Amino acid sequence: MGISLIPALFLARHAQHVGAAEQGIILGRQKLHLNGAKLARFIRNAAALGFDLAAEDLVQPDGFTETLLARLGYPPIAALDFTDKEGAAHIHDLNLPVPAELQGRFDIVIDGGTTEHVFHIGQALDNCHALLKPGGLLLSFVAGDGWFGHGFFQTGPDVPWRYWHHARGYDMLEVSLVPRRAPRQIIAVDDPTGKPRGGERALEGPHMLLTAARKPLVAPPYAPPIQSHYV
């Protein structure tokens, strides 16, 4: 797993929402998948968002991304993984509920393309919700349409909208699709609720689905989400 150009630009866009966050957690310790021309491209695009960055400020010797996140203004971000192979601070299988000592502990939760690889994806999403403090920031970049075989799942618009917004009450800051071949082409994904066939669309080639959302201070009553086709 790693942070390539699309997730890096997404994280830069939403650095404005970090505020006074003190600690965060990322699912899987992420490597930096930017070098050479792609790293230079990120730096140019980040400059348009107000960042003054240089390659030597972003690349760390072990190839991971804590330095990148810090330079974008994020607080210390610990990693959670099901193995300690890559130095994650917290070891847990996301197919199972997260332990009580981690629940409600983090100001930011980043799903760095991880939940699509967890067989019990609903439990993985519940875990993201449980890890986050009220008022905290959820950031997710996962495989969207056209990425067959990358993980267990390709995520459609019903997941961010029906789960995070309608079932959990989150304020949606961004839901978008970005083609892997065109990292600056941000396609807004509207709430599919009430639309014919849930707002289906046909896309060509692999896309990433990006979600930024704010957890409510007071949780609404929860019921498992119903796909928008059937509401």
C-alpha atoms as a PDB file:
ATOM      1  CA  MET A   1       0.000   0.000   0.000  1.00  0.00           C
ATOM      2  CA  GLY A   2       1.176   3.493  -0.628  1.00  0.00           C
ATOM      3  CA  ILE A   3       0.421   7.137  -1.276  1.00  0.00           C
ATOM      4  CA  SER A   4       0.641   7.972  -4.956  1.00  0.00           C
ATOM      5  CA  LEU A   5      -0.232  11.210  -6.747  1.00  0.00           C
ATOM      6  CA  ILE A   6      -4.032  11.016  -6.393  1.00  0.00           C
ATOM      7  CA  PRO A   7      -4.031  10.352  -2.613  1.00  0.00           C
ATOM      8  CA  ALA A   8      -1.227  12.862  -2.018  1.00  0.00           C
ATOM      9  CA  LEU A   9      -3.177  15.641  -3.720  1.00  0.00           C
ATOM     10  CA  PHE A  10      -6.332  14.595  -1.847  1.00  0.00           C
ATOM     11  CA  LEU A  11      -4.487  14.791   1.481  1.00  0.00           C
ATOM     12  CA  ALA A  12      -3.104  18.198   0.522  1.00  0.00           C
ATOM     13  CA  ARG A  13      -6.608  19.479  -0.350  1.00  0.00           C
ATOM     14  CA  HIS A  14      -7.986  18.426   3.013  1.00  0.00           C
ATOM     15  CA  ALA A  15      -5.110  19.615   5.188  1.00  0.00           C
ATOM     16  CA  GLN A  16      -7.281  22.716   5.667  1.00  0.00           C
ATOM     17  CA  HIS A  17      -9.691  20.573   7.711  1.00  0.00           C
ATOM     18  CA  VAL A  18      -7.095  19.195  10.128  1.00  0.00           C
ATOM     19  CA  GLY A  19      -7.515  22.106  12.543  1.00  0.00           C
ATOM     20  CA  ALA A  20      -6.263  21.417  16.060  1.00  0.00           C
ATOM     21  CA  ALA A  21      -6.111  17.639  15.609  1.00  0.00           C
ATOM     22  CA  GLU A  22      -3.565  16.062  17.955  1.00  0.00           C
ATOM     23  CA  GLN A  23      -3.279  12.483  16.722  1.00  0.00           C
ATOM     24  CA  GLY A  24      -4.440  10.305  13.886  1.00  0.00           C
ATOM     25  CA  ILE A  25      -4.308   6.742  12.650  1.00  0.00           C
ATOM     26  CA  ILE A  26      -3.851   5.299   9.173  1.00  0.00           C
ATOM     27  CA  LEU A  27      -4.906   1.804   8.113  1.00  0.00           C
ATOM     28  CA  GLY A  28      -1.696   0.182   6.967  1.00  0.00           C
ATOM     29  CA  ARG A  29       1.647   1.957   7.082  1.00  0.00           C
ATOM     30  CA  GLN A  30       1.812   3.659   3.703  1.00  0.00           C
ATOM     31  CA  LYS A  31       4.884   3.918   1.495  1.00  0.00           C
ATOM     32  CA  LEU A  32       5.567   6.949  -0.684  1.00  0.00           C
ATOM     33  CA  HIS A  33       4.760   6.009  -4.278  1.00  0.00           C
ATOM     34  CA  LEU A  34       6.067   9.286  -5.675  1.00  0.00           C
ATOM     35  CA  ASN A  35       9.476   9.801  -7.202  1.00  0.00           C
ATOM     36  CA  GLY A  36      11.126  11.658 -10.021  1.00  0.00           C
ATOM     37  CA  ALA A  37       8.646  13.377 -12.324  1.00  0.00           C
ATOM     38  CA  LYS A  38       5.604  12.350 -10.272  1.00  0.00           C
ATOM     39  CA  LEU A  39       7.086  13.833  -7.108  1.00  0.00           C
ATOM     40  CA  ALA A  40       7.897  17.039  -8.975  1.00  0.00           C
ATOM     41  CA  ARG A  41       4.340  17.089 -10.324  1.00  0.00           C
ATOM     42  CA  PHE A  42       2.925  16.753  -6.822  1.00  0.00           C
ATOM     43  CA  ILE A  43       5.105  19.589  -5.543  1.00  0.00           C
ATOM     44  CA  ARG A  44       3.909  21.872  -8.373  1.00  0.00           C
ATOM     45  CA  ASN A  45       0.251  21.061  -7.727  1.00  0.00           C
ATOM     46  CA  ALA A  46       0.657  21.402  -3.948  1.00  0.00           C
ATOM     47  CA  ALA A  47       2.098  24.884  -4.497  1.00  0.00           C
ATOM     48  CA  ALA A  48      -1.270  25.917  -5.962  1.00  0.00           C
ATOM     49  CA  LEU A  49      -2.794  24.885  -2.633  1.00  0.00           C
ATOM     50  CA  GLY A  50      -0.353  27.061  -0.702  1.00  0.00           C
ATOM     51  CA  PHE A  51       2.366  24.527   0.157  1.00  0.00           C
ATOM     52  CA  ASP A  52       6.053  25.362  -0.249  1.00  0.00           C
ATOM     53  CA  LEU A  53       7.594  21.898  -0.540  1.00  0.00           C
ATOM     54  CA  ALA A  54      10.825  20.382  -1.782  1.00  0.00           C
ATOM     55  CA  ALA A  55      11.577  16.759  -2.597  1.00  0.00           C
ATOM     56  CA  GLU A  56      14.144  16.471   0.196  1.00  0.00           C
ATOM     57  CA  ASP A  57      11.450  17.565   2.683  1.00  0.00           C
ATOM     58  CA  LEU A  58       9.093  14.725   1.707  1.00  0.00           C
ATOM     59  CA  VAL A  59      11.210  11.626   1.169  1.00  0.00           C
ATOM     60  CA  GLN A  60      12.293   9.679   4.245  1.00  0.00           C
ATOM     61  CA  PRO A  61      15.024   7.005   4.260  1.00  0.00           C
ATOM     62  CA  ASP A  62      12.689   4.064   4.956  1.00  0.00           C
ATOM     63  CA  GLY A  63      10.327   5.009   2.126  1.00  0.00           C
ATOM     64  CA  PHE A  64       7.237   5.595   4.287  1.00  0.00           C
ATOM     65  CA  THR A  65       5.059   8.707   4.496  1.00  0.00           C
ATOM     66  CA  GLU A  66       5.083  10.140   8.012  1.00  0.00           C
ATOM     67  CA  THR A  67       7.299  12.991   6.757  1.00  0.00           C
ATOM     68  CA  LEU A  68       4.912  13.788   3.904  1.00  0.00           C
ATOM     69  CA  LEU A  69       1.941  13.908   6.270  1.00  0.00           C
ATOM     70  CA  ALA A  70       3.801  16.134   8.728  1.00  0.00           C
ATOM     71  CA  ARG A  71       4.845  18.561   5.977  1.00  0.00           C
ATOM     72  CA  LEU A  72       1.198  18.817   4.902  1.00  0.00           C
ATOM     73  CA  GLY A  73       0.289  19.860   8.442  1.00  0.00           C
ATOM     74  CA  TYR A  74      -1.110  16.607   9.796  1.00  0.00           C
ATOM     75  CA  PRO A  75      -0.512  15.619  13.434  1.00  0.00           C
ATOM     76  CA  PRO A  76       1.441  12.448  14.273  1.00  0.00           C
ATOM     77  CA  ILE A  77      -0.243   9.611  12.381  1.00  0.00           C
ATOM     78  CA  ALA A  78       0.238   6.094  13.782  1.00  0.00           C
ATOM     79  CA  ALA A  79      -0.334   3.030  11.616  1.00  0.00           C
ATOM     80  CA  LEU A  80      -2.668   0.119  12.322  1.00  0.00           C
ATOM     81  CA  ASP A  81      -2.009  -3.163  10.501  1.00  0.00           C
ATOM     82  CA  PHE A  82      -2.722  -6.872  10.922  1.00  0.00           C
ATOM     83  CA  THR A  83       1.030  -7.557  11.025  1.00  0.00           C
ATOM     84  CA  ASP A  84       4.039  -5.815  12.550  1.00  0.00           C
ATOM     85  CA  LYS A  85       6.107  -6.447   9.405  1.00  0.00           C
ATOM     86  CA  GLU A  86       6.208  -2.766   8.407  1.00  0.00           C
ATOM     87  CA  GLY A  87       6.463  -1.237  11.861  1.00  0.00           C
ATOM     88  CA  ALA A  88       2.827  -0.406  12.576  1.00  0.00           C
ATOM     89  CA  ALA A  89       2.219   0.917  16.073  1.00  0.00           C
ATOM     90  CA  HIS A  90      -1.089  -0.947  16.466  1.00  0.00           C
ATOM     91  CA  ILE A  91      -1.639  -4.559  15.409  1.00  0.00           C
ATOM     92  CA  HIS A  92      -5.210  -5.602  14.706  1.00  0.00           C
ATOM     93  CA  ASP A  93      -7.203  -7.566  12.127  1.00  0.00           C
ATOM     94  CA  LEU A  94      -9.891  -5.244  10.763  1.00  0.00           C
ATOM     95  CA  ASN A  95     -12.203  -8.194  10.150  1.00  0.00           C
ATOM     96  CA  LEU A  96     -12.778  -7.987  13.928  1.00  0.00           C
ATOM     97  CA  PRO A  97     -14.001  -5.088  16.093  1.00  0.00           C
ATOM     98  CA  VAL A  98     -11.208  -2.814  17.281  1.00  0.00           C
ATOM     99  CA  PRO A  99     -10.389  -3.095  20.987  1.00  0.00           C
ATOM    100  CA  ALA A 100     -11.981  -0.706  23.460  1.00  0.00           C
ATOM    101  CA  GLU A 101      -8.694   1.077  24.203  1.00  0.00           C
ATOM    102  CA  LEU A 102      -8.538   2.348  20.596  1.00  0.00           C
ATOM    103  CA  GLN A 103     -12.145   3.426  20.266  1.00  0.00           C
ATOM    104  CA  GLY A 104     -12.852   7.167  20.104  1.00  0.00           C
ATOM    105  CA  ARG A 105      -9.165   7.946  20.453  1.00  0.00           C
ATOM    106  CA  PHE A 106      -8.186   9.609  17.158  1.00  0.00           C
ATOM    107  CA  ASP A 107      -8.892  13.020  15.611  1.00  0.00           C
ATOM    108  CA  ILE A 108      -8.175  11.718  12.095  1.00  0.00           C
ATOM    109  CA  VAL A 109      -8.670   8.283  10.541  1.00  0.00           C
ATOM    110  CA  ILE A 110      -7.145   7.625   7.112  1.00  0.00           C
ATOM    111  CA  ASP A 111      -8.225   4.618   5.080  1.00  0.00           C
ATOM    112  CA  GLY A 112      -5.255   4.427   2.756  1.00  0.00           C
ATOM    113  CA  GLY A 113      -6.716   1.942   0.311  1.00  0.00           C
ATOM    114  CA  THR A 114      -7.089  -0.723   2.983  1.00  0.00           C
ATOM    115  CA  THR A 115     -10.763  -1.529   3.570  1.00  0.00           C
ATOM    116  CA  GLU A 116     -11.147  -2.873   0.018  1.00  0.00           C
ATOM    117  CA  HIS A 117      -8.681  -5.637   1.007  1.00  0.00           C
ATOM    118  CA  VAL A 118     -10.586  -6.650   4.166  1.00  0.00           C
ATOM    119  CA  PHE A 119     -13.075  -9.447   3.523  1.00  0.00           C
ATOM    120  CA  HIS A 120     -15.585  -8.225   6.119  1.00  0.00           C
ATOM    121  CA  ILE A 121     -15.589  -4.702   4.686  1.00  0.00           C
ATOM    122  CA  GLY A 122     -18.636  -3.615   6.714  1.00  0.00           C
ATOM    123  CA  GLN A 123     -16.769  -4.408   9.932  1.00  0.00           C
ATOM    124  CA  ALA A 124     -13.744  -2.525   8.611  1.00  0.00           C
ATOM    125  CA  LEU A 125     -15.897   0.574   8.047  1.00  0.00           C
ATOM    126  CA  ASP A 126     -17.451   0.195  11.499  1.00  0.00           C
ATOM    127  CA  ASN A 127     -13.908   0.086  12.871  1.00  0.00           C
ATOM    128  CA  CYS A 128     -13.001   3.361  11.147  1.00  0.00           C
ATOM    129  CA  HIS A 129     -16.068   4.948  12.731  1.00  0.00           C
ATOM    130  CA  ALA A 130     -15.203   3.493  16.149  1.00  0.00           C
ATOM    131  CA  LEU A 131     -11.598   4.737  16.044  1.00  0.00           C
ATOM    132  CA  LEU A 132     -12.654   8.328  15.375  1.00  0.00           C
ATOM    133  CA  LYS A 133     -13.479  10.906  18.015  1.00  0.00           C
ATOM    134  CA  PRO A 134     -16.751  12.852  17.704  1.00  0.00           C
ATOM    135  CA  GLY A 135     -16.024  15.752  15.385  1.00  0.00           C
ATOM    136  CA  GLY A 136     -13.068  13.895  13.883  1.00  0.00           C
ATOM    137  CA  LEU A 137     -12.046  13.758  10.233  1.00  0.00           C
ATOM    138  CA  LEU A 138     -12.327  10.650   8.056  1.00  0.00           C
ATOM    139  CA  LEU A 139     -10.216  10.525   4.888  1.00  0.00           C
ATOM    140  CA  SER A 140     -10.497   7.581   2.509  1.00  0.00           C
ATOM    141  CA  PHE A 141      -8.969   6.717  -0.859  1.00  0.00           C
ATOM    142  CA  VAL A 142      -9.959   3.292  -2.163  1.00  0.00           C
ATOM    143  CA  ALA A 143     -10.370   1.415  -5.444  1.00  0.00           C
ATOM    144  CA  GLY A 144     -13.381   2.553  -7.435  1.00  0.00           C
ATOM    145  CA  ASP A 145     -14.800   1.400 -10.733  1.00  0.00           C
ATOM    146  CA  GLY A 146     -12.624  -0.449 -13.247  1.00  0.00           C
ATOM    147  CA  TRP A 147     -10.133  -1.946 -10.782  1.00  0.00           C
ATOM    148  CA  PHE A 148     -11.288  -5.568 -10.897  1.00  0.00           C
ATOM    149  CA  GLY A 149      -9.009  -7.900  -8.933  1.00  0.00           C
ATOM    150  CA  HIS A 150      -7.121  -5.195  -7.044  1.00  0.00           C
ATOM    151  CA  GLY A 151      -8.845  -6.067  -3.782  1.00  0.00           C
ATOM    152  CA  PHE A 152     -11.924  -7.925  -2.649  1.00  0.00           C
ATOM    153  CA  PHE A 153     -14.136  -4.947  -3.505  1.00  0.00           C
ATOM    154  CA  GLN A 154     -14.569  -1.984  -5.825  1.00  0.00           C
ATOM    155  CA  THR A 155     -16.499   0.660  -3.920  1.00  0.00           C
ATOM    156  CA  GLY A 156     -19.421   2.555  -5.417  1.00  0.00           C
ATOM    157  CA  PRO A 157     -21.173   5.765  -4.349  1.00  0.00           C
ATOM    158  CA  ASP A 158     -23.573   4.026  -1.962  1.00  0.00           C
ATOM    159  CA  VAL A 159     -20.754   3.281   0.483  1.00  0.00           C
ATOM    160  CA  PRO A 160     -19.740   6.858   1.331  1.00  0.00           C
ATOM    161  CA  TRP A 161     -23.199   8.333   0.976  1.00  0.00           C
ATOM    162  CA  ARG A 162     -25.445   5.635   2.435  1.00  0.00           C
ATOM    163  CA  TYR A 163     -23.029   4.530   5.188  1.00  0.00           C
ATOM    164  CA  TRP A 164     -21.115   7.618   6.289  1.00  0.00           C
ATOM    165  CA  HIS A 165     -23.733  10.276   5.595  1.00  0.00           C
ATOM    166  CA  HIS A 166     -27.175   8.688   5.961  1.00  0.00           C
ATOM    167  CA  ALA A 167     -26.447   5.914   8.469  1.00  0.00           C
ATOM    168  CA  ARG A 168     -23.710   7.569  10.545  1.00  0.00           C
ATOM    169  CA  GLY A 169     -24.627  11.245  10.138  1.00  0.00           C
ATOM    170  CA  TYR A 170     -21.268  12.472   8.814  1.00  0.00           C
ATOM    171  CA  ASP A 171     -20.917  15.833   7.077  1.00  0.00           C
ATOM    172  CA  MET A 172     -19.527  15.061   3.607  1.00  0.00           C
ATOM    173  CA  LEU A 173     -16.656  17.352   2.634  1.00  0.00           C
ATOM    174  CA  GLU A 174     -15.790  15.517  -0.579  1.00  0.00           C
ATOM    175  CA  VAL A 175     -16.951  12.442  -2.440  1.00  0.00           C
ATOM    176  CA  SER A 176     -15.239  12.132  -5.797  1.00  0.00           C
ATOM    177  CA  LEU A 177     -13.840   9.794  -8.416  1.00  0.00           C
ATOM    178  CA  VAL A 178     -10.445  10.352 -10.000  1.00  0.00           C
ATOM    179  CA  PRO A 179      -9.169   8.335 -12.982  1.00  0.00           C
ATOM    180  CA  ARG A 180      -5.740   6.834 -12.369  1.00  0.00           C
ATOM    181  CA  ARG A 181      -4.652   8.133 -15.777  1.00  0.00           C
ATOM    182  CA  ALA A 182      -5.784  11.703 -15.037  1.00  0.00           C
ATOM    183  CA  PRO A 183      -4.951  12.531 -11.393  1.00  0.00           C
ATOM    184  CA  ARG A 184      -6.205  16.119 -11.628  1.00  0.00           C
ATOM    185  CA  GLN A 185      -9.608  15.187 -13.062  1.00  0.00           C
ATOM    186  CA  ILE A 186     -11.878  15.265 -10.018  1.00  0.00           C
ATOM    187  CA  ILE A 187     -15.372  13.943 -10.752  1.00  0.00           C
ATOM    188  CA  ALA A 188     -17.862  14.904  -8.036  1.00  0.00           C
ATOM    189  CA  VAL A 189     -20.014  11.981  -6.858  1.00  0.00           C
ATOM    190  CA  ASP A 190     -23.457  13.163  -5.794  1.00  0.00           C
ATOM    191  CA  ASP A 191     -25.676  11.474  -3.250  1.00  0.00           C
ATOM    192  CA  PRO A 192     -27.327   8.610  -5.179  1.00  0.00           C
ATOM    193  CA  THR A 193     -30.334   8.458  -2.868  1.00  0.00           C
ATOM    194  CA  GLY A 194     -33.542   8.862  -4.837  1.00  0.00           C
ATOM    195  CA  LYS A 195     -31.874   8.656  -8.231  1.00  0.00           C
ATOM    196  CA  PRO A 196     -32.808   5.994 -10.797  1.00  0.00           C
ATOM    197  CA  ARG A 197     -30.652   2.917 -10.214  1.00  0.00           C
ATOM    198  CA  GLY A 198     -28.802   4.759  -7.481  1.00  0.00           C
ATOM    199  CA  GLY A 199     -26.991   7.135  -9.804  1.00  0.00           C
ATOM    200  CA  GLU A 200     -25.197   4.372 -11.718  1.00  0.00           C
ATOM    201  CA  ARG A 201     -22.520   5.409 -14.172  1.00  0.00           C
ATOM    202  CA  ALA A 202     -20.227   3.592 -16.582  1.00  0.00           C
ATOM    203  CA  LEU A 203     -16.531   4.410 -16.334  1.00  0.00           C
ATOM    204  CA  GLU A 204     -13.556   3.308 -18.392  1.00  0.00           C
ATOM    205  CA  GLY A 205     -10.375   2.236 -16.645  1.00  0.00           C
ATOM    206  CA  PRO A 206      -9.354   2.182 -12.972  1.00  0.00           C
ATOM    207  CA  HIS A 207     -10.588   5.001 -10.749  1.00  0.00           C
ATOM    208  CA  MET A 208     -10.077   5.911  -7.119  1.00  0.00           C
ATOM    209  CA  LEU A 209     -13.013   6.851  -4.895  1.00  0.00           C
ATOM    210  CA  LEU A 210     -12.122   9.640  -2.464  1.00  0.00           C
ATOM    211  CA  THR A 211     -14.114  10.490   0.651  1.00  0.00           C
ATOM    212  CA  ALA A 212     -13.589  13.230   3.216  1.00  0.00           C
ATOM    213  CA  ALA A 213     -16.175  13.426   5.992  1.00  0.00           C
ATOM    214  CA  ARG A 214     -16.626  14.880   9.474  1.00  0.00           C
ATOM    215  CA  LYS A 215     -18.011  12.713  12.275  1.00  0.00           C
ATOM    216  CA  PRO A 216     -20.974  14.295  14.096  1.00  0.00           C
ATOM    217  CA  LEU A 217     -20.536  15.439  17.682  1.00  0.00           C
ATOM    218  CA  VAL A 218     -23.705  13.547  18.603  1.00  0.00           C
ATOM    219  CA  ALA A 219     -24.267  10.222  16.875  1.00  0.00           C
ATOM    220  CA  PRO A 220     -27.706   9.692  15.312  1.00  0.00           C
ATOM    221  CA  PRO A 221     -29.563   6.398  15.890  1.00  0.00           C
ATOM    222  CA  TYR A 222     -27.867   3.753  13.758  1.00  0.00           C
ATOM    223  CA  ALA A 223     -29.383   1.154  11.448  1.00  0.00           C
ATOM    224  CA  PRO A 224     -27.435  -0.721   8.756  1.00  0.00           C
ATOM    225  CA  PRO A 225     -27.577   1.253   5.504  1.00  0.00           C
ATOM    226  CA  ILE A 226     -29.954   0.338   2.715  1.00  0.00           C
ATOM    227  CA  GLN A 227     -28.611   0.667  -0.816  1.00  0.00           C
ATOM    228  CA  SER A 228     -30.077   3.718  -2.511  1.00  0.00           C
ATOM    229  CA  HIS A 229     -31.887   1.605  -5.134  1.00  0.00           C
ATOM    230  CA  TYR A 230     -34.165   0.315  -2.390  1.00  0.00           C
ATOM    231  CA  VAL A 231     -34.717   3.268  -0.071  1.00  0.00           C
END
